[in-house]
Amino acid sequence: MDSYDFEKIKQHCTDFVVFHSIDDHRAPFEAGEENTKGLDDTFHQFEGKRHFGVASGPLPELVKEVL
């Protein structure tokens, strides 16, 4: 799995949040875990949401983070 330059990314922002569903069929769950670790951020783990979109249904956790 290719990795991002997390140190360079963190120079531009200090607050990150990762949302990832265990059963995402497009982005491996391990990518969400790697991003969380690399960015020292908050991780919201879901099951049954697949790849987020209309079929995922509402994500009140996302709304709470934005507000």
PDB file of N, CA and C in Angstrom:
ATOM      1  N   MET A   1       0.844  -1.175   0.000  1.00  0.00           N
ATOM      2  CA  MET A   1       0.000   0.000   0.000  1.00  0.00           C
ATOM      3  C   MET A   1       0.893   1.244   0.000  1.00  0.00           C
ATOM      4  N   ASP A   2       0.630   2.168  -0.922  1.00  0.00           N
ATOM      5  CA  ASP A   2       1.377   3.419  -0.962  1.00  0.00           C
ATOM      6  C   ASP A   2       0.999   4.265   0.239  1.00  0.00           C
ATOM      7  N   SER A   3       1.985   4.983   0.755  1.00  0.00           N
ATOM      8  CA  SER A   3       1.742   5.813   1.924  1.00  0.00           C
ATOM      9  C   SER A   3       1.849   7.285   1.553  1.00  0.00           C
ATOM     10  N   TYR A   4       1.204   8.112   2.324  1.00  0.00           N
ATOM     11  CA  TYR A   4       1.277   9.559   2.137  1.00  0.00           C
ATOM     12  C   TYR A   4       2.426  10.113   2.952  1.00  0.00           C
ATOM     13  N   ASP A   5       2.861  11.328   2.600  1.00  0.00           N
ATOM     14  CA  ASP A   5       3.866  12.033   3.395  1.00  0.00           C
ATOM     15  C   ASP A   5       3.107  12.751   4.508  1.00  0.00           C
ATOM     16  N   PHE A   6       2.873  12.031   5.605  1.00  0.00           N
ATOM     17  CA  PHE A   6       2.046  12.558   6.681  1.00  0.00           C
ATOM     18  C   PHE A   6       2.652  13.793   7.333  1.00  0.00           C
ATOM     19  N   GLU A   7       3.941  13.846   7.460  1.00  0.00           N
ATOM     20  CA  GLU A   7       4.571  15.025   8.067  1.00  0.00           C
ATOM     21  C   GLU A   7       4.319  16.269   7.219  1.00  0.00           C
ATOM     22  N   LYS A   8       4.382  16.133   5.922  1.00  0.00           N
ATOM     23  CA  LYS A   8       4.115  17.271   5.036  1.00  0.00           C
ATOM     24  C   LYS A   8       2.641  17.679   5.122  1.00  0.00           C
ATOM     25  N   ILE A   9       1.759  16.704   5.166  1.00  0.00           N
ATOM     26  CA  ILE A   9       0.322  16.987   5.278  1.00  0.00           C
ATOM     27  C   ILE A   9       0.035  17.743   6.577  1.00  0.00           C
ATOM     28  N   LYS A  10       0.652  17.309   7.684  1.00  0.00           N
ATOM     29  CA  LYS A  10       0.391  17.926   8.986  1.00  0.00           C
ATOM     30  C   LYS A  10       0.944  19.346   9.079  1.00  0.00           C
ATOM     31  N   GLN A  11       1.775  19.749   8.145  1.00  0.00           N
ATOM     32  CA  GLN A  11       2.261  21.138   8.116  1.00  0.00           C
ATOM     33  C   GLN A  11       1.150  22.099   7.677  1.00  0.00           C
ATOM     34  N   HIS A  12       0.134  21.571   7.028  1.00  0.00           N
ATOM     35  CA  HIS A  12      -0.937  22.404   6.469  1.00  0.00           C
ATOM     36  C   HIS A  12      -2.227  22.371   7.278  1.00  0.00           C
ATOM     37  N   CYS A  13      -2.319  21.444   8.200  1.00  0.00           N
ATOM     38  CA  CYS A  13      -3.527  21.310   8.999  1.00  0.00           C
ATOM     39  C   CYS A  13      -3.175  20.530  10.262  1.00  0.00           C
ATOM     40  N   THR A  14      -3.880  20.807  11.336  1.00  0.00           N
ATOM     41  CA  THR A  14      -3.562  20.120  12.594  1.00  0.00           C
ATOM     42  C   THR A  14      -4.706  19.267  13.126  1.00  0.00           C
ATOM     43  N   ASP A  15      -5.852  19.323  12.489  1.00  0.00           N
ATOM     44  CA  ASP A  15      -7.025  18.602  12.988  1.00  0.00           C
ATOM     45  C   ASP A  15      -7.583  17.717  11.887  1.00  0.00           C
ATOM     46  N   PHE A  16      -7.523  16.406  12.103  1.00  0.00           N
ATOM     47  CA  PHE A  16      -7.984  15.446  11.108  1.00  0.00           C
ATOM     48  C   PHE A  16      -8.973  14.474  11.734  1.00  0.00           C
ATOM     49  N   VAL A  17      -9.887  13.981  10.918  1.00  0.00           N
ATOM     50  CA  VAL A  17     -10.832  12.958  11.347  1.00  0.00           C
ATOM     51  C   VAL A  17     -10.989  11.965  10.193  1.00  0.00           C
ATOM     52  N   VAL A  18     -10.889  10.682  10.506  1.00  0.00           N
ATOM     53  CA  VAL A  18     -11.055   9.637   9.498  1.00  0.00           C
ATOM     54  C   VAL A  18     -12.353   8.879   9.781  1.00  0.00           C
ATOM     55  N   PHE A  19     -13.169   8.707   8.751  1.00  0.00           N
ATOM     56  CA  PHE A  19     -14.379   7.908   8.808  1.00  0.00           C
ATOM     57  C   PHE A  19     -14.172   6.740   7.850  1.00  0.00           C
ATOM     58  N   HIS A  20     -14.352   5.515   8.344  1.00  0.00           N
ATOM     59  CA  HIS A  20     -14.123   4.361   7.471  1.00  0.00           C
ATOM     60  C   HIS A  20     -15.012   3.198   7.896  1.00  0.00           C
ATOM     61  N   SER A  21     -15.577   2.528   6.900  1.00  0.00           N
ATOM     62  CA  SER A  21     -16.404   1.355   7.169  1.00  0.00           C
ATOM     63  C   SER A  21     -15.571   0.089   6.953  1.00  0.00           C
ATOM     64  N   ILE A  22     -15.703  -0.839   7.862  1.00  0.00           N
ATOM     65  CA  ILE A  22     -14.953  -2.094   7.789  1.00  0.00           C
ATOM     66  C   ILE A  22     -15.222  -2.813   6.471  1.00  0.00           C
ATOM     67  N   ASP A  23     -16.444  -2.704   5.969  1.00  0.00           N
ATOM     68  CA  ASP A  23     -16.818  -3.422   4.752  1.00  0.00           C
ATOM     69  C   ASP A  23     -16.789  -2.552   3.493  1.00  0.00           C
ATOM     70  N   ASP A  24     -15.952  -1.502   3.504  1.00  0.00           N
ATOM     71  CA  ASP A  24     -15.788  -0.660   2.317  1.00  0.00           C
ATOM     72  C   ASP A  24     -15.181  -1.522   1.208  1.00  0.00           C
ATOM     73  N   HIS A  25     -15.858  -1.625   0.086  1.00  0.00           N
ATOM     74  CA  HIS A  25     -15.409  -2.476  -1.014  1.00  0.00           C
ATOM     75  C   HIS A  25     -14.468  -1.752  -1.982  1.00  0.00           C
ATOM     76  N   ARG A  26     -14.234  -0.461  -1.776  1.00  0.00           N
ATOM     77  CA  ARG A  26     -13.357   0.304  -2.674  1.00  0.00           C
ATOM     78  C   ARG A  26     -12.053   0.728  -2.012  1.00  0.00           C
ATOM     79  N   ALA A  27     -12.098   1.041  -0.750  1.00  0.00           N
ATOM     80  CA  ALA A  27     -10.890   1.462  -0.020  1.00  0.00           C
ATOM     81  C   ALA A  27     -10.673   0.487   1.134  1.00  0.00           C
ATOM     82  N   PRO A  28      -9.538  -0.185   1.173  1.00  0.00           N
ATOM     83  CA  PRO A  28      -9.312  -1.161   2.245  1.00  0.00           C
ATOM     84  C   PRO A  28      -9.342  -0.513   3.622  1.00  0.00           C
ATOM     85  N   PHE A  29      -9.904  -1.232   4.572  1.00  0.00           N
ATOM     86  CA  PHE A  29      -9.999  -0.727   5.937  1.00  0.00           C
ATOM     87  C   PHE A  29      -8.617  -0.375   6.494  1.00  0.00           C
ATOM     88  N   GLU A  30      -7.610  -1.130   6.097  1.00  0.00           N
ATOM     89  CA  GLU A  30      -6.246  -0.875   6.566  1.00  0.00           C
ATOM     90  C   GLU A  30      -5.770   0.520   6.177  1.00  0.00           C
ATOM     91  N   ALA A  31      -6.269   1.047   5.059  1.00  0.00           N
ATOM     92  CA  ALA A  31      -5.895   2.406   4.635  1.00  0.00           C
ATOM     93  C   ALA A  31      -6.406   3.434   5.636  1.00  0.00           C
ATOM     94  N   GLY A  32      -7.617   3.236   6.127  1.00  0.00           N
ATOM     95  CA  GLY A  32      -8.159   4.138   7.148  1.00  0.00           C
ATOM     96  C   GLY A  32      -7.347   4.074   8.426  1.00  0.00           C
ATOM     97  N   GLU A  33      -6.950   2.866   8.808  1.00  0.00           N
ATOM     98  CA  GLU A  33      -6.124   2.705  10.006  1.00  0.00           C
ATOM     99  C   GLU A  33      -4.763   3.375   9.830  1.00  0.00           C
ATOM    100  N   GLU A  34      -4.160   3.207   8.649  1.00  0.00           N
ATOM    101  CA  GLU A  34      -2.857   3.823   8.375  1.00  0.00           C
ATOM    102  C   GLU A  34      -2.954   5.346   8.390  1.00  0.00           C
ATOM    103  N   ASN A  35      -4.010   5.888   7.792  1.00  0.00           N
ATOM    104  CA  ASN A  35      -4.186   7.342   7.790  1.00  0.00           C
ATOM    105  C   ASN A  35      -4.374   7.881   9.202  1.00  0.00           C
ATOM    106  N   THR A  36      -5.136   7.181   9.996  1.00  0.00           N
ATOM    107  CA  THR A  36      -5.359   7.600  11.376  1.00  0.00           C
ATOM    108  C   THR A  36      -4.055   7.638  12.149  1.00  0.00           C
ATOM    109  N   LYS A  37      -3.268   6.603  12.013  1.00  0.00           N
ATOM    110  CA  LYS A  37      -1.984   6.527  12.716  1.00  0.00           C
ATOM    111  C   LYS A  37      -1.019   7.607  12.213  1.00  0.00           C
ATOM    112  N   GLY A  38      -0.946   7.786  10.904  1.00  0.00           N
ATOM    113  CA  GLY A  38      -0.016   8.754  10.324  1.00  0.00           C
ATOM    114  C   GLY A  38      -0.358  10.190  10.644  1.00  0.00           C
ATOM    115  N   LEU A  39      -1.636  10.479  10.809  1.00  0.00           N
ATOM    116  CA  LEU A  39      -2.070  11.851  11.065  1.00  0.00           C
ATOM    117  C   LEU A  39      -2.360  12.118  12.540  1.00  0.00           C
ATOM    118  N   ASP A  40      -2.219  11.105  13.372  1.00  0.00           N
ATOM    119  CA  ASP A  40      -2.520  11.253  14.802  1.00  0.00           C
ATOM    120  C   ASP A  40      -3.907  11.856  14.995  1.00  0.00           C
ATOM    121  N   ASP A  41      -4.880  11.259  14.356  1.00  0.00           N
ATOM    122  CA  ASP A  41      -6.205  11.872  14.360  1.00  0.00           C
ATOM    123  C   ASP A  41      -7.265  10.993  14.996  1.00  0.00           C
ATOM    124  N   THR A  42      -8.485  11.445  14.900  1.00  0.00           N
ATOM    125  CA  THR A  42      -9.646  10.739  15.424  1.00  0.00           C
ATOM    126  C   THR A  42     -10.154   9.762  14.373  1.00  0.00           C
ATOM    127  N   PHE A  43     -10.538   8.569  14.805  1.00  0.00           N
ATOM    128  CA  PHE A  43     -10.978   7.524  13.886  1.00  0.00           C
ATOM    129  C   PHE A  43     -12.389   7.084  14.242  1.00  0.00           C
ATOM    130  N   HIS A  44     -13.280   7.158  13.266  1.00  0.00           N
ATOM    131  CA  HIS A  44     -14.649   6.670  13.426  1.00  0.00           C
ATOM    132  C   HIS A  44     -14.793   5.432  12.557  1.00  0.00           C
ATOM    133  N   GLN A  45     -15.003   4.302  13.191  1.00  0.00           N
ATOM    134  CA  GLN A  45     -15.112   3.014  12.517  1.00  0.00           C
ATOM    135  C   GLN A  45     -16.578   2.622  12.400  1.00  0.00           C
ATOM    136  N   PHE A  46     -16.959   2.164  11.229  1.00  0.00           N
ATOM    137  CA  PHE A  46     -18.336   1.752  10.975  1.00  0.00           C
ATOM    138  C   PHE A  46     -18.367   0.334  10.429  1.00  0.00           C
ATOM    139  N   GLU A  47     -19.532  -0.273  10.515  1.00  0.00           N
ATOM    140  CA  GLU A  47     -19.758  -1.574   9.900  1.00  0.00           C
ATOM    141  C   GLU A  47     -21.103  -1.519   9.204  1.00  0.00           C
ATOM    142  N   GLY A  48     -21.163  -2.065   8.008  1.00  0.00           N
ATOM    143  CA  GLY A  48     -22.415  -2.097   7.258  1.00  0.00           C
ATOM    144  C   GLY A  48     -22.689  -0.839   6.453  1.00  0.00           C
ATOM    145  N   LYS A  49     -21.729   0.062   6.353  1.00  0.00           N
ATOM    146  CA  LYS A  49     -21.926   1.299   5.586  1.00  0.00           C
ATOM    147  C   LYS A  49     -21.284   1.220   4.200  1.00  0.00           C
ATOM    148  N   ARG A  50     -20.468   0.184   3.968  1.00  0.00           N
ATOM    149  CA  ARG A  50     -19.747   0.001   2.706  1.00  0.00           C
ATOM    150  C   ARG A  50     -18.987   1.278   2.325  1.00  0.00           C
ATOM    151  N   HIS A  51     -18.938   1.615   1.048  1.00  0.00           N
ATOM    152  CA  HIS A  51     -18.256   2.841   0.611  1.00  0.00           C
ATOM    153  C   HIS A  51     -19.264   3.973   0.753  1.00  0.00           C
ATOM    154  N   PHE A  52     -18.945   4.991   1.545  1.00  0.00           N
ATOM    155  CA  PHE A  52     -19.911   6.031   1.882  1.00  0.00           C
ATOM    156  C   PHE A  52     -20.533   6.669   0.649  1.00  0.00           C
ATOM    157  N   GLY A  53     -21.821   6.865   0.729  1.00  0.00           N
ATOM    158  CA  GLY A  53     -22.599   7.471  -0.334  1.00  0.00           C
ATOM    159  C   GLY A  53     -24.066   7.413   0.050  1.00  0.00           C
ATOM    160  N   VAL A  54     -24.926   7.579  -0.909  1.00  0.00           N
ATOM    161  CA  VAL A  54     -26.367   7.612  -0.654  1.00  0.00           C
ATOM    162  C   VAL A  54     -26.822   6.326   0.039  1.00  0.00           C
ATOM    163  N   ALA A  55     -26.315   5.181  -0.393  1.00  0.00           N
ATOM    164  CA  ALA A  55     -26.749   3.894   0.165  1.00  0.00           C
ATOM    165  C   ALA A  55     -26.278   3.692   1.604  1.00  0.00           C
ATOM    166  N   SER A  56     -25.305   4.476   2.062  1.00  0.00           N
ATOM    167  CA  SER A  56     -24.782   4.337   3.418  1.00  0.00           C
ATOM    168  C   SER A  56     -25.777   4.785   4.468  1.00  0.00           C
ATOM    169  N   GLY A  57     -26.654   5.665   4.068  1.00  0.00           N
ATOM    170  CA  GLY A  57     -27.573   6.245   5.038  1.00  0.00           C
ATOM    171  C   GLY A  57     -26.907   7.387   5.782  1.00  0.00           C
ATOM    172  N   PRO A  58     -27.609   7.989   6.719  1.00  0.00           N
ATOM    173  CA  PRO A  58     -27.071   9.143   7.440  1.00  0.00           C
ATOM    174  C   PRO A  58     -25.880   8.763   8.331  1.00  0.00           C
ATOM    175  N   LEU A  59     -24.995   9.713   8.502  1.00  0.00           N
ATOM    176  CA  LEU A  59     -23.837   9.556   9.387  1.00  0.00           C
ATOM    177  C   LEU A  59     -23.860  10.682  10.413  1.00  0.00           C
ATOM    178  N   PRO A  60     -24.628  10.532  11.492  1.00  0.00           N
ATOM    179  CA  PRO A  60     -24.724  11.608  12.485  1.00  0.00           C
ATOM    180  C   PRO A  60     -23.363  11.946  13.110  1.00  0.00           C
ATOM    181  N   GLU A  61     -22.461  10.983  13.130  1.00  0.00           N
ATOM    182  CA  GLU A  61     -21.109  11.247  13.675  1.00  0.00           C
ATOM    183  C   GLU A  61     -20.383  12.272  12.815  1.00  0.00           C
ATOM    184  N   LEU A  62     -20.593  12.229  11.515  1.00  0.00           N
ATOM    185  CA  LEU A  62     -19.969  13.198  10.617  1.00  0.00           C
ATOM    186  C   LEU A  62     -20.539  14.598  10.864  1.00  0.00           C
ATOM    187  N   VAL A  63     -21.848  14.687  10.981  1.00  0.00           N
ATOM    188  CA  VAL A  63     -22.492  15.978  11.244  1.00  0.00           C
ATOM    189  C   VAL A  63     -21.966  16.550  12.562  1.00  0.00           C
ATOM    190  N   LYS A  64     -21.851  15.722  13.575  1.00  0.00           N
ATOM    191  CA  LYS A  64     -21.349  16.171  14.890  1.00  0.00           C
ATOM    192  C   LYS A  64     -19.926  16.719  14.762  1.00  0.00           C
ATOM    193  N   GLU A  65     -19.065  16.056  13.998  1.00  0.00           N
ATOM    194  CA  GLU A  65     -17.680  16.529  13.822  1.00  0.00           C
ATOM    195  C   GLU A  65     -17.635  17.870  13.095  1.00  0.00           C
ATOM    196  N   VAL A  66     -18.497  18.029  12.090  1.00  0.00           N
ATOM    197  CA  VAL A  66     -18.514  19.275  11.320  1.00  0.00           C
ATOM    198  C   VAL A  66     -19.008  20.437  12.167  1.00  0.00           C
ATOM    199  N   LEU A  67     -20.025  20.175  12.971  1.00  0.00           N
ATOM    200  CA  LEU A  67     -20.574  21.242  13.797  1.00  0.00           C
ATOM    201  C   LEU A  67     -19.652  21.539  14.958  1.00  0.00           C
TER     202      LEU A  67
END
